[in-house]
C-alpha atoms as a PDB file:
ATOM      1  CA  MET A   1       1.661  -0.372 -18.174  1.00  0.00           C
ATOM      2  CA  VAL A   2       2.489  -0.040 -14.234  1.00  0.00           C
ATOM      3  CA  THR A   3       4.945  -2.413 -12.961  1.00  0.00           C
ATOM      4  CA  TYR A   4       5.472  -3.958  -9.526  1.00  0.00           C
ATOM      5  CA  ALA A   5       8.197  -1.840  -9.153  1.00  0.00           C
ATOM      6  CA  GLU A   6       6.657   1.697  -9.451  1.00  0.00           C
ATOM      7  CA  THR A   7       3.856   0.792  -7.204  1.00  0.00           C
ATOM      8  CA  LEU A   8       6.120  -0.925  -4.830  1.00  0.00           C
ATOM      9  CA  VAL A   9       8.200   2.811  -5.125  1.00  0.00           C
ATOM     10  CA  GLY A  10       4.998   5.161  -4.648  1.00  0.00           C
ATOM     11  CA  THR A  11       3.679   2.990  -1.876  1.00  0.00           C
ATOM     12  CA  THR A  12       6.740   3.251  -0.150  1.00  0.00           C
ATOM     13  CA  ASN A  13       7.486   6.564  -0.522  1.00  0.00           C
ATOM     14  CA  ILE A  14       3.781   7.749   0.785  1.00  0.00           C
ATOM     15  CA  LEU A  15       4.275   5.048   3.536  1.00  0.00           C
ATOM     16  CA  SER A  16       7.535   7.281   4.500  1.00  0.00           C
ATOM     17  CA  LYS A  17       6.300  10.386   4.872  1.00  0.00           C
ATOM     18  CA  HIS A  18       3.397   8.475   7.459  1.00  0.00           C
ATOM     19  CA  VAL A  19       6.108   6.919   9.837  1.00  0.00           C
ATOM     20  CA  GLU A  20       9.565   6.956  11.516  1.00  0.00           C
ATOM     21  CA  LEU A  21      11.843   4.446  10.924  1.00  0.00           C
ATOM     22  CA  ASP A  22      15.163   3.896  11.212  1.00  0.00           C
ATOM     23  CA  ARG A  23      16.163   1.790   8.458  1.00  0.00           C
ATOM     24  CA  PRO A  24      14.196   1.780   5.037  1.00  0.00           C
ATOM     25  CA  ILE A  25      10.578   0.299   4.401  1.00  0.00           C
ATOM     26  CA  ARG A  26      10.673  -3.733   2.779  1.00  0.00           C
ATOM     27  CA  PRO A  27       8.386  -5.238   0.922  1.00  0.00           C
ATOM     28  CA  ASP A  28       7.361  -7.495   3.415  1.00  0.00           C
ATOM     29  CA  ASP A  29       6.700  -5.199   6.591  1.00  0.00           C
ATOM     30  CA  ASP A  30       3.631  -5.653   7.888  1.00  0.00           C
ATOM     31  CA  ILE A  31       1.729  -1.930   8.300  1.00  0.00           C
ATOM     32  CA  ILE A  32       0.238  -1.643  11.475  1.00  0.00           C
ATOM     33  CA  ASN A  33       2.765  -4.559  13.629  1.00  0.00           C
ATOM     34  CA  ASP A  34       5.918  -3.333  11.672  1.00  0.00           C
ATOM     35  CA  LEU A  35       5.161  -0.250  10.815  1.00  0.00           C
ATOM     36  CA  GLY A  36       3.140   0.760  13.587  1.00  0.00           C
ATOM     37  CA  LEU A  37       0.248   2.387  11.638  1.00  0.00           C
ATOM     38  CA  ASP A  38      -3.092   2.706  13.505  1.00  0.00           C
ATOM     39  CA  SER A  39      -6.507   2.405  12.018  1.00  0.00           C
ATOM     40  CA  LEU A  40      -6.349   6.681  11.267  1.00  0.00           C
ATOM     41  CA  GLY A  41      -3.047   6.313   9.795  1.00  0.00           C
ATOM     42  CA  VAL A  42      -3.854   3.517   7.653  1.00  0.00           C
ATOM     43  CA  MET A  43      -6.835   5.003   6.437  1.00  0.00           C
ATOM     44  CA  GLU A  44      -4.824   8.373   5.575  1.00  0.00           C
ATOM     45  CA  VAL A  45      -2.059   6.263   4.117  1.00  0.00           C
ATOM     46  CA  VAL A  46      -4.697   4.312   1.710  1.00  0.00           C
ATOM     47  CA  ALA A  47      -6.185   8.390   0.564  1.00  0.00           C
ATOM     48  CA  ASP A  48      -2.722   9.262  -0.404  1.00  0.00           C
ATOM     49  CA  ILE A  49      -2.032   6.188  -1.897  1.00  0.00           C
ATOM     50  CA  GLU A  50      -5.753   6.735  -3.914  1.00  0.00           C
ATOM     51  CA  ASP A  51      -4.781   9.998  -4.862  1.00  0.00           C
ATOM     52  CA  HIS A  52      -1.093   9.696  -5.840  1.00  0.00           C
ATOM     53  CA  PHE A  53      -2.257   6.522  -8.667  1.00  0.00           C
ATOM     54  CA  GLN A  54      -5.562   7.935  -8.560  1.00  0.00           C
ATOM     55  CA  ILE A  55      -7.497   4.846  -7.680  1.00  0.00           C
ATOM     56  CA  ASN A  56      -9.996   3.624  -5.424  1.00  0.00           C
ATOM     57  CA  ILE A  57      -9.448   0.729  -3.376  1.00  0.00           C
ATOM     58  CA  PRO A  58     -12.411  -0.938  -2.609  1.00  0.00           C
ATOM     59  CA  GLU A  59     -13.441  -1.683   1.799  1.00  0.00           C
ATOM     60  CA  GLU A  60     -13.769  -5.048   1.008  1.00  0.00           C
ATOM     61  CA  MET A  61      -9.672  -5.284  -0.591  1.00  0.00           C
ATOM     62  CA  LEU A  62      -8.386  -3.259   2.640  1.00  0.00           C
ATOM     63  CA  SER A  63      -9.030  -6.225   5.479  1.00  0.00           C
ATOM     64  CA  LYS A  64      -6.886  -8.341   2.919  1.00  0.00           C
ATOM     65  CA  ILE A  65      -4.256  -6.141   2.442  1.00  0.00           C
ATOM     66  CA  THR A  66      -1.479  -6.123   5.880  1.00  0.00           C
ATOM     67  CA  THR A  67       1.883  -5.971   3.872  1.00  0.00           C
ATOM     68  CA  VAL A  68       3.516  -3.238   2.163  1.00  0.00           C
ATOM     69  CA  ASP A  69       4.085  -5.994  -1.099  1.00  0.00           C
ATOM     70  CA  ASP A  70       0.256  -6.794  -0.739  1.00  0.00           C
ATOM     71  CA  VAL A  71       0.079  -3.175  -1.544  1.00  0.00           C
ATOM     72  CA  ALA A  72       1.917  -2.724  -4.233  1.00  0.00           C
ATOM     73  CA  ARG A  73       0.305  -6.209  -5.617  1.00  0.00           C
ATOM     74  CA  ALA A  74      -3.215  -4.637  -4.833  1.00  0.00           C
ATOM     75  CA  LEU A  75      -2.270  -1.477  -7.069  1.00  0.00           C
ATOM     76  CA  LEU A  76      -0.694  -3.297  -9.951  1.00  0.00           C
ATOM     77  CA  ASP A  77      -3.500  -5.730 -10.152  1.00  0.00           C
ATOM     78  CA  LEU A  78      -5.781  -2.312  -9.946  1.00  0.00           C
ATOM     79  CA  GLN A  79      -4.206  -0.166 -12.324  1.00  0.00           C
ATOM     80  CA  ASN A  80      -3.486  -3.061 -14.926  1.00  0.00           C
ATOM     81  CA  GLY A  81      -7.449  -4.287 -14.795  1.00  0.00           C
ATOM     82  CA  ARG A  82      -7.109  -7.663 -13.206  1.00  0.00           C
ATOM     83  CA  ALA A  83      -9.048  -8.754 -10.472  1.00  0.00           C
ATOM     84  CA  VAL A  84      -6.766  -8.920  -6.908  1.00  0.00           C
ATOM     85  CA  ASN A  85      -6.377 -11.493  -4.968  1.00  0.00           C
ATOM     86  CA  ALA A  86      -4.609 -10.217  -2.127  1.00  0.00           C
ATOM     87  CA  GLU A  87      -4.964 -13.193   0.498  1.00  0.00           C
END
């Protein structure tokens, strides 16, 4: 069973390859507003996350995911077979 810490570390590692910050990425960072990703950047990150975690993030979930924490929790729920409630 995958842990939240594992999904968070994986998510932040992937995001760090797509953004340049002078500080660590935090769970409460907004992917667009704080990390500066545009829609193309977000889709590239999603593709990398899906490849890394071997999972498919449904499109209807993407509009509900705004922070790094949202991504980590959605991945945790998807990998552990639970319904996702990212709001």
